[in-house]
Amino acid sequence: MNGPDYIVEIDGLRNVGGQGTGSVSSSGEEKTRPWIAVTWQCCSVYSRIYRNRAGTAYEGQCPKCGKPVKARVGPGGTDSRFFQAG
């Protein structure tokens, strides 16, 4: 594993100190995919949402009702790993 799975990557800080996630194997397959944890207030459930392929946002939906959420990635972001959504 390249680094702890509890660190949220923020553009501009990727691979600081040689660590990072989302590395690609020689076959081109992604070994790990960065995620954040979401507590869905709408249905009182928890899930992970994963960073999109472009690396611009974490996108997902409530596992019960399907309500979508998008958390943008950018400079000046947060080091928080857990969030609440609708």
PDB file of N, CA and C in Angstrom:
ATOM      1  N   MET A   1       0.846  -1.169   0.000  1.00  0.00           N
ATOM      2  CA  MET A   1       0.000   0.000   0.000  1.00  0.00           C
ATOM      3  C   MET A   1       0.891   1.232   0.000  1.00  0.00           C
ATOM      4  N   ASN A   2       0.531   2.220  -0.794  1.00  0.00           N
ATOM      5  CA  ASN A   2       1.353   3.418  -0.924  1.00  0.00           C
ATOM      6  C   ASN A   2       1.257   4.362   0.264  1.00  0.00           C
ATOM      7  N   GLY A   3       0.119   4.400   0.948  1.00  0.00           N
ATOM      8  CA  GLY A   3      -0.047   5.314   2.060  1.00  0.00           C
ATOM      9  C   GLY A   3      -1.296   4.976   2.835  1.00  0.00           C
ATOM     10  N   PRO A   4      -1.504   5.669   3.942  1.00  0.00           N
ATOM     11  CA  PRO A   4      -2.687   5.401   4.756  1.00  0.00           C
ATOM     12  C   PRO A   4      -3.958   5.655   3.969  1.00  0.00           C
ATOM     13  N   ASP A   5      -5.002   4.835   4.214  1.00  0.00           N
ATOM     14  CA  ASP A   5      -6.241   5.000   3.480  1.00  0.00           C
ATOM     15  C   ASP A   5      -7.148   6.057   4.090  1.00  0.00           C
ATOM     16  N   TYR A   6      -6.685   6.735   5.153  1.00  0.00           N
ATOM     17  CA  TYR A   6      -7.509   7.746   5.800  1.00  0.00           C
ATOM     18  C   TYR A   6      -7.129   9.170   5.379  1.00  0.00           C
ATOM     19  N   ILE A   7      -6.244   9.318   4.412  1.00  0.00           N
ATOM     20  CA  ILE A   7      -5.842  10.638   3.946  1.00  0.00           C
ATOM     21  C   ILE A   7      -6.593  10.975   2.666  1.00  0.00           C
ATOM     22  N   VAL A   8      -7.290  12.112   2.669  1.00  0.00           N
ATOM     23  CA  VAL A   8      -7.998  12.569   1.480  1.00  0.00           C
ATOM     24  C   VAL A   8      -7.016  13.349   0.629  1.00  0.00           C
ATOM     25  N   GLU A   9      -6.881  12.951  -0.624  1.00  0.00           N
ATOM     26  CA  GLU A   9      -5.965  13.653  -1.517  1.00  0.00           C
ATOM     27  C   GLU A   9      -6.578  14.967  -1.969  1.00  0.00           C
ATOM     28  N   ILE A  10      -5.740  15.992  -2.032  1.00  0.00           N
ATOM     29  CA  ILE A  10      -6.155  17.302  -2.501  1.00  0.00           C
ATOM     30  C   ILE A  10      -5.228  17.672  -3.634  1.00  0.00           C
ATOM     31  N   ASP A  11      -5.802  18.104  -4.779  1.00  0.00           N
ATOM     32  CA  ASP A  11      -4.958  18.475  -5.908  1.00  0.00           C
ATOM     33  C   ASP A  11      -3.873  19.435  -5.458  1.00  0.00           C
ATOM     34  N   GLY A  12      -2.682  19.252  -5.957  1.00  0.00           N
ATOM     35  CA  GLY A  12      -1.553  20.078  -5.593  1.00  0.00           C
ATOM     36  C   GLY A  12      -0.734  19.486  -4.461  1.00  0.00           C
ATOM     37  N   LEU A  13      -1.317  18.545  -3.718  1.00  0.00           N
ATOM     38  CA  LEU A  13      -0.607  17.896  -2.628  1.00  0.00           C
ATOM     39  C   LEU A  13      -0.348  16.433  -2.927  1.00  0.00           C
ATOM     40  N   ARG A  14      -0.736  15.964  -4.088  1.00  0.00           N
ATOM     41  CA  ARG A  14      -0.599  14.557  -4.455  1.00  0.00           C
ATOM     42  C   ARG A  14       0.868  14.146  -4.501  1.00  0.00           C
ATOM     43  N   ASN A  15       1.154  12.984  -3.962  1.00  0.00           N
ATOM     44  CA  ASN A  15       2.483  12.392  -3.946  1.00  0.00           C
ATOM     45  C   ASN A  15       3.503  13.200  -3.158  1.00  0.00           C
ATOM     46  N   VAL A  16       3.057  13.980  -2.178  1.00  0.00           N
ATOM     47  CA  VAL A  16       3.981  14.684  -1.299  1.00  0.00           C
ATOM     48  C   VAL A  16       4.742  13.639  -0.499  1.00  0.00           C
ATOM     49  N   GLY A  17       6.036  13.705  -0.492  1.00  0.00           N
ATOM     50  CA  GLY A  17       6.848  12.738   0.238  1.00  0.00           C
ATOM     51  C   GLY A  17       6.829  11.356  -0.381  1.00  0.00           C
ATOM     52  N   GLY A  18       6.424  11.272  -1.659  1.00  0.00           N
ATOM     53  CA  GLY A  18       6.414   9.990  -2.338  1.00  0.00           C
ATOM     54  C   GLY A  18       5.229   9.120  -1.988  1.00  0.00           C
ATOM     55  N   GLN A  19       4.265   9.665  -1.222  1.00  0.00           N
ATOM     56  CA  GLN A  19       3.095   8.878  -0.868  1.00  0.00           C
ATOM     57  C   GLN A  19       1.899   9.352  -1.663  1.00  0.00           C
ATOM     58  N   GLY A  20       0.957   8.466  -1.848  1.00  0.00           N
ATOM     59  CA  GLY A  20      -0.266   8.809  -2.549  1.00  0.00           C
ATOM     60  C   GLY A  20      -1.087   7.563  -2.742  1.00  0.00           C
ATOM     61  N   THR A  21      -2.319   7.750  -3.185  1.00  0.00           N
ATOM     62  CA  THR A  21      -3.176   6.609  -3.464  1.00  0.00           C
ATOM     63  C   THR A  21      -3.621   6.701  -4.897  1.00  0.00           C
ATOM     64  N   GLY A  22      -4.331   5.715  -5.344  1.00  0.00           N
ATOM     65  CA  GLY A  22      -4.815   5.737  -6.707  1.00  0.00           C
ATOM     66  C   GLY A  22      -3.736   5.361  -7.710  1.00  0.00           C
ATOM     67  N   SER A  23      -2.757   4.588  -7.288  1.00  0.00           N
ATOM     68  CA  SER A  23      -1.681   4.209  -8.196  1.00  0.00           C
ATOM     69  C   SER A  23      -2.197   3.245  -9.259  1.00  0.00           C
ATOM     70  N   VAL A  24      -1.477   3.165 -10.338  1.00  0.00           N
ATOM     71  CA  VAL A  24      -1.885   2.319 -11.454  1.00  0.00           C
ATOM     72  C   VAL A  24      -0.842   1.233 -11.656  1.00  0.00           C
ATOM     73  N   SER A  25      -1.302   0.009 -11.832  1.00  0.00           N
ATOM     74  CA  SER A  25      -0.386  -1.106 -12.052  1.00  0.00           C
ATOM     75  C   SER A  25       0.100  -1.104 -13.493  1.00  0.00           C
ATOM     76  N   SER A  26       1.054  -1.980 -13.801  1.00  0.00           N
ATOM     77  CA  SER A  26       1.592  -2.051 -15.152  1.00  0.00           C
ATOM     78  C   SER A  26       0.526  -2.469 -16.156  1.00  0.00           C
ATOM     79  N   SER A  27      -0.519  -3.146 -15.704  1.00  0.00           N
ATOM     80  CA  SER A  27      -1.591  -3.547 -16.612  1.00  0.00           C
ATOM     81  C   SER A  27      -2.592  -2.417 -16.830  1.00  0.00           C
ATOM     82  N   GLY A  28      -2.402  -1.279 -16.120  1.00  0.00           N
ATOM     83  CA  GLY A  28      -3.276  -0.133 -16.274  1.00  0.00           C
ATOM     84  C   GLY A  28      -4.465  -0.138 -15.332  1.00  0.00           C
ATOM     85  N   GLU A  29      -4.585  -1.156 -14.473  1.00  0.00           N
ATOM     86  CA  GLU A  29      -5.696  -1.218 -13.538  1.00  0.00           C
ATOM     87  C   GLU A  29      -5.380  -0.412 -12.288  1.00  0.00           C
ATOM     88  N   GLU A  30      -6.371   0.271 -11.789  1.00  0.00           N
ATOM     89  CA  GLU A  30      -6.209   1.055 -10.578  1.00  0.00           C
ATOM     90  C   GLU A  30      -6.165   0.125  -9.375  1.00  0.00           C
ATOM     91  N   LYS A  31      -5.117   0.246  -8.555  1.00  0.00           N
ATOM     92  CA  LYS A  31      -4.967  -0.625  -7.379  1.00  0.00           C
ATOM     93  C   LYS A  31      -5.884  -0.175  -6.246  1.00  0.00           C
ATOM     94  N   THR A  32      -5.924   1.122  -5.987  1.00  0.00           N
ATOM     95  CA  THR A  32      -6.761   1.677  -4.941  1.00  0.00           C
ATOM     96  C   THR A  32      -7.522   2.852  -5.518  1.00  0.00           C
ATOM     97  N   ARG A  33      -8.645   3.130  -4.924  1.00  0.00           N
ATOM     98  CA  ARG A  33      -9.429   4.265  -5.396  1.00  0.00           C
ATOM     99  C   ARG A  33      -9.792   5.107  -4.179  1.00  0.00           C
ATOM    100  N   PRO A  34      -9.347   6.364  -4.132  1.00  0.00           N
ATOM    101  CA  PRO A  34      -9.616   7.223  -2.985  1.00  0.00           C
ATOM    102  C   PRO A  34     -11.117   7.360  -2.727  1.00  0.00           C
ATOM    103  N   TRP A  35     -11.486   7.421  -1.446  1.00  0.00           N
ATOM    104  CA  TRP A  35     -12.896   7.513  -1.064  1.00  0.00           C
ATOM    105  C   TRP A  35     -13.049   8.405   0.148  1.00  0.00           C
ATOM    106  N   ILE A  36     -14.287   8.854   0.375  1.00  0.00           N
ATOM    107  CA  ILE A  36     -14.660   9.545   1.593  1.00  0.00           C
ATOM    108  C   ILE A  36     -15.903   8.862   2.155  1.00  0.00           C
ATOM    109  N   ALA A  37     -16.103   8.971   3.453  1.00  0.00           N
ATOM    110  CA  ALA A  37     -17.245   8.357   4.119  1.00  0.00           C
ATOM    111  C   ALA A  37     -18.387   9.370   4.225  1.00  0.00           C
ATOM    112  N   VAL A  38     -19.600   8.900   3.954  1.00  0.00           N
ATOM    113  CA  VAL A  38     -20.778   9.770   4.004  1.00  0.00           C
ATOM    114  C   VAL A  38     -21.850   9.121   4.870  1.00  0.00           C
ATOM    115  N   THR A  39     -22.380   9.896   5.810  1.00  0.00           N
ATOM    116  CA  THR A  39     -23.571   9.487   6.554  1.00  0.00           C
ATOM    117  C   THR A  39     -24.740  10.172   5.868  1.00  0.00           C
ATOM    118  N   TRP A  40     -25.661   9.374   5.368  1.00  0.00           N
ATOM    119  CA  TRP A  40     -26.821   9.879   4.633  1.00  0.00           C
ATOM    120  C   TRP A  40     -27.950  10.157   5.617  1.00  0.00           C
ATOM    121  N   GLN A  41     -28.228  11.437   5.862  1.00  0.00           N
ATOM    122  CA  GLN A  41     -29.266  11.820   6.797  1.00  0.00           C
ATOM    123  C   GLN A  41     -30.651  11.441   6.273  1.00  0.00           C
ATOM    124  N   CYS A  42     -30.825  11.395   4.972  1.00  0.00           N
ATOM    125  CA  CYS A  42     -32.124  11.081   4.375  1.00  0.00           C
ATOM    126  C   CYS A  42     -32.610   9.682   4.749  1.00  0.00           C
ATOM    127  N   CYS A  43     -31.701   8.732   4.875  1.00  0.00           N
ATOM    128  CA  CYS A  43     -32.071   7.338   5.135  1.00  0.00           C
ATOM    129  C   CYS A  43     -31.342   6.720   6.330  1.00  0.00           C
ATOM    130  N   SER A  44     -30.581   7.529   7.051  1.00  0.00           N
ATOM    131  CA  SER A  44     -29.841   7.065   8.229  1.00  0.00           C
ATOM    132  C   SER A  44     -28.935   5.873   7.920  1.00  0.00           C
ATOM    133  N   VAL A  45     -28.163   5.993   6.842  1.00  0.00           N
ATOM    134  CA  VAL A  45     -27.210   4.952   6.465  1.00  0.00           C
ATOM    135  C   VAL A  45     -25.850   5.579   6.206  1.00  0.00           C
ATOM    136  N   TYR A  46     -24.822   4.728   6.150  1.00  0.00           N
ATOM    137  CA  TYR A  46     -23.440   5.133   5.896  1.00  0.00           C
ATOM    138  C   TYR A  46     -22.961   4.445   4.623  1.00  0.00           C
ATOM    139  N   SER A  47     -22.136   5.144   3.855  1.00  0.00           N
ATOM    140  CA  SER A  47     -21.493   4.509   2.702  1.00  0.00           C
ATOM    141  C   SER A  47     -20.226   5.282   2.358  1.00  0.00           C
ATOM    142  N   ARG A  48     -19.469   4.709   1.475  1.00  0.00           N
ATOM    143  CA  ARG A  48     -18.305   5.394   0.908  1.00  0.00           C
ATOM    144  C   ARG A  48     -18.694   5.929  -0.454  1.00  0.00           C
ATOM    145  N   ILE A  49     -18.106   7.084  -0.818  1.00  0.00           N
ATOM    146  CA  ILE A  49     -18.215   7.541  -2.202  1.00  0.00           C
ATOM    147  C   ILE A  49     -16.789   7.686  -2.715  1.00  0.00           C
ATOM    148  N   TYR A  50     -16.606   7.410  -3.976  1.00  0.00           N
ATOM    149  CA  TYR A  50     -15.269   7.333  -4.554  1.00  0.00           C
ATOM    150  C   TYR A  50     -14.985   8.496  -5.488  1.00  0.00           C
ATOM    151  N   ARG A  51     -13.691   8.809  -5.609  1.00  0.00           N
ATOM    152  CA  ARG A  51     -13.270   9.887  -6.499  1.00  0.00           C
ATOM    153  C   ARG A  51     -13.495   9.471  -7.943  1.00  0.00           C
ATOM    154  N   ASN A  52     -13.982  10.413  -8.755  1.00  0.00           N
ATOM    155  CA  ASN A  52     -14.230  10.105 -10.165  1.00  0.00           C
ATOM    156  C   ASN A  52     -12.916   9.932 -10.922  1.00  0.00           C
ATOM    157  N   ARG A  53     -13.000   9.360 -12.102  1.00  0.00           N
ATOM    158  CA  ARG A  53     -11.796   9.059 -12.908  1.00  0.00           C
ATOM    159  C   ARG A  53     -10.996  10.312 -13.264  1.00  0.00           C
ATOM    160  N   ALA A  54     -11.684  11.439 -13.431  1.00  0.00           N
ATOM    161  CA  ALA A  54     -11.003  12.693 -13.758  1.00  0.00           C
ATOM    162  C   ALA A  54     -10.267  13.276 -12.563  1.00  0.00           C
ATOM    163  N   GLY A  55     -10.598  12.793 -11.344  1.00  0.00           N
ATOM    164  CA  GLY A  55      -9.951  13.280 -10.137  1.00  0.00           C
ATOM    165  C   GLY A  55     -10.448  14.632  -9.679  1.00  0.00           C
ATOM    166  N   THR A  56     -11.602  15.069 -10.173  1.00  0.00           N
ATOM    167  CA  THR A  56     -12.120  16.398  -9.866  1.00  0.00           C
ATOM    168  C   THR A  56     -13.116  16.421  -8.719  1.00  0.00           C
ATOM    169  N   ALA A  57     -13.683  15.260  -8.363  1.00  0.00           N
ATOM    170  CA  ALA A  57     -14.706  15.230  -7.312  1.00  0.00           C
ATOM    171  C   ALA A  57     -14.923  13.806  -6.818  1.00  0.00           C
ATOM    172  N   TYR A  58     -15.498  13.718  -5.632  1.00  0.00           N
ATOM    173  CA  TYR A  58     -15.985  12.451  -5.100  1.00  0.00           C
ATOM    174  C   TYR A  58     -17.480  12.438  -5.389  1.00  0.00           C
ATOM    175  N   GLU A  59     -17.953  11.390  -6.058  1.00  0.00           N
ATOM    176  CA  GLU A  59     -19.350  11.336  -6.462  1.00  0.00           C
ATOM    177  C   GLU A  59     -19.978  10.017  -6.035  1.00  0.00           C
ATOM    178  N   GLY A  60     -21.225  10.093  -5.599  1.00  0.00           N
ATOM    179  CA  GLY A  60     -21.927   8.886  -5.204  1.00  0.00           C
ATOM    180  C   GLY A  60     -23.391   9.163  -4.967  1.00  0.00           C
ATOM    181  N   GLN A  61     -24.075   8.136  -4.478  1.00  0.00           N
ATOM    182  CA  GLN A  61     -25.491   8.293  -4.185  1.00  0.00           C
ATOM    183  C   GLN A  61     -25.873   7.456  -2.976  1.00  0.00           C
ATOM    184  N   CYS A  62     -26.962   7.857  -2.320  1.00  0.00           N
ATOM    185  CA  CYS A  62     -27.458   7.141  -1.153  1.00  0.00           C
ATOM    186  C   CYS A  62     -27.783   5.706  -1.561  1.00  0.00           C
ATOM    187  N   PRO A  63     -27.310   4.723  -0.794  1.00  0.00           N
ATOM    188  CA  PRO A  63     -27.568   3.334  -1.153  1.00  0.00           C
ATOM    189  C   PRO A  63     -29.039   2.919  -1.015  1.00  0.00           C
ATOM    190  N   LYS A  64     -29.840   3.706  -0.298  1.00  0.00           N
ATOM    191  CA  LYS A  64     -31.258   3.363  -0.139  1.00  0.00           C
ATOM    192  C   LYS A  64     -32.156   4.109  -1.122  1.00  0.00           C
ATOM    193  N   CYS A  65     -32.060   5.447  -1.146  1.00  0.00           N
ATOM    194  CA  CYS A  65     -32.994   6.231  -1.974  1.00  0.00           C
ATOM    195  C   CYS A  65     -32.385   6.753  -3.274  1.00  0.00           C
ATOM    196  N   GLY A  66     -31.058   6.670  -3.405  1.00  0.00           N
ATOM    197  CA  GLY A  66     -30.402   7.090  -4.643  1.00  0.00           C
ATOM    198  C   GLY A  66     -30.112   8.569  -4.759  1.00  0.00           C
ATOM    199  N   LYS A  67     -30.308   9.341  -3.688  1.00  0.00           N
ATOM    200  CA  LYS A  67     -30.035  10.776  -3.726  1.00  0.00           C
ATOM    201  C   LYS A  67     -28.549  10.999  -4.019  1.00  0.00           C
ATOM    202  N   PRO A  68     -28.225  11.815  -5.032  1.00  0.00           N
ATOM    203  CA  PRO A  68     -26.821  12.005  -5.419  1.00  0.00           C
ATOM    204  C   PRO A  68     -26.101  13.049  -4.564  1.00  0.00           C
ATOM    205  N   VAL A  69     -24.769  12.928  -4.507  1.00  0.00           N
ATOM    206  CA  VAL A  69     -23.933  13.927  -3.857  1.00  0.00           C
ATOM    207  C   VAL A  69     -22.619  14.023  -4.622  1.00  0.00           C
ATOM    208  N   LYS A  70     -22.038  15.228  -4.608  1.00  0.00           N
ATOM    209  CA  LYS A  70     -20.759  15.468  -5.285  1.00  0.00           C
ATOM    210  C   LYS A  70     -19.941  16.397  -4.396  1.00  0.00           C
ATOM    211  N   ALA A  71     -18.718  15.976  -4.055  1.00  0.00           N
ATOM    212  CA  ALA A  71     -17.802  16.794  -3.254  1.00  0.00           C
ATOM    213  C   ALA A  71     -16.595  17.105  -4.120  1.00  0.00           C
ATOM    214  N   ARG A  72     -16.444  18.364  -4.484  1.00  0.00           N
ATOM    215  CA  ARG A  72     -15.353  18.759  -5.374  1.00  0.00           C
ATOM    216  C   ARG A  72     -13.991  18.655  -4.698  1.00  0.00           C
ATOM    217  N   VAL A  73     -12.965  18.385  -5.500  1.00  0.00           N
ATOM    218  CA  VAL A  73     -11.576  18.304  -5.047  1.00  0.00           C
ATOM    219  C   VAL A  73     -10.867  19.562  -5.524  1.00  0.00           C
ATOM    220  N   GLY A  74     -10.087  20.169  -4.644  1.00  0.00           N
ATOM    221  CA  GLY A  74      -9.359  21.351  -5.070  1.00  0.00           C
ATOM    222  C   GLY A  74      -8.440  21.872  -3.992  1.00  0.00           C
ATOM    223  N   PRO A  75      -7.643  22.874  -4.338  1.00  0.00           N
ATOM    224  CA  PRO A  75      -6.721  23.464  -3.366  1.00  0.00           C
ATOM    225  C   PRO A  75      -7.499  24.100  -2.217  1.00  0.00           C
ATOM    226  N   GLY A  76      -6.916  24.064  -1.039  1.00  0.00           N
ATOM    227  CA  GLY A  76      -7.570  24.648   0.124  1.00  0.00           C
ATOM    228  C   GLY A  76      -8.687  23.777   0.659  1.00  0.00           C
ATOM    229  N   GLY A  77      -8.676  22.499   0.307  1.00  0.00           N
ATOM    230  CA  GLY A  77      -9.713  21.563   0.734  1.00  0.00           C
ATOM    231  C   GLY A  77      -9.608  21.245   2.217  1.00  0.00           C
ATOM    232  N   THR A  78     -10.110  20.098   2.583  1.00  0.00           N
ATOM    233  CA  THR A  78     -10.141  19.695   3.984  1.00  0.00           C
ATOM    234  C   THR A  78      -9.427  18.366   4.175  1.00  0.00           C
ATOM    235  N   ASP A  79      -8.968  18.118   5.383  1.00  0.00           N
ATOM    236  CA  ASP A  79      -8.369  16.824   5.683  1.00  0.00           C
ATOM    237  C   ASP A  79      -9.385  15.883   6.340  1.00  0.00           C
ATOM    238  N   SER A  80     -10.637  16.337   6.404  1.00  0.00           N
ATOM    239  CA  SER A  80     -11.705  15.527   6.985  1.00  0.00           C
ATOM    240  C   SER A  80     -12.010  14.346   6.080  1.00  0.00           C
ATOM    241  N   ARG A  81     -12.356  13.228   6.669  1.00  0.00           N
ATOM    242  CA  ARG A  81     -12.634  12.012   5.926  1.00  0.00           C
ATOM    243  C   ARG A  81     -14.106  11.628   5.982  1.00  0.00           C
ATOM    244  N   PHE A  82     -14.842  12.202   6.956  1.00  0.00           N
ATOM    245  CA  PHE A  82     -16.239  11.844   7.172  1.00  0.00           C
ATOM    246  C   PHE A  82     -17.152  13.049   6.963  1.00  0.00           C
ATOM    247  N   PHE A  83     -18.252  12.828   6.253  1.00  0.00           N
ATOM    248  CA  PHE A  83     -19.163  13.910   5.893  1.00  0.00           C
ATOM    249  C   PHE A  83     -20.608  13.463   6.071  1.00  0.00           C
ATOM    250  N   GLN A  84     -21.521  14.443   6.097  1.00  0.00           N
ATOM    251  CA  GLN A  84     -22.946  14.162   6.137  1.00  0.00           C
ATOM    252  C   GLN A  84     -23.579  14.729   4.887  1.00  0.00           C
ATOM    253  N   ALA A  85     -24.556  14.019   4.349  1.00  0.00           N
ATOM    254  CA  ALA A  85     -25.267  14.462   3.160  1.00  0.00           C
ATOM    255  C   ALA A  85     -26.755  14.278   3.364  1.00  0.00           C
ATOM    256  N   GLY A  86     -27.544  15.082   2.637  1.00  0.00           N
ATOM    257  CA  GLY A  86     -28.986  15.150   2.623  1.00  0.00           C
ATOM    258  C   GLY A  86     -29.726  14.009   3.087  1.00  0.00           C
TER     259      GLY A  86
END
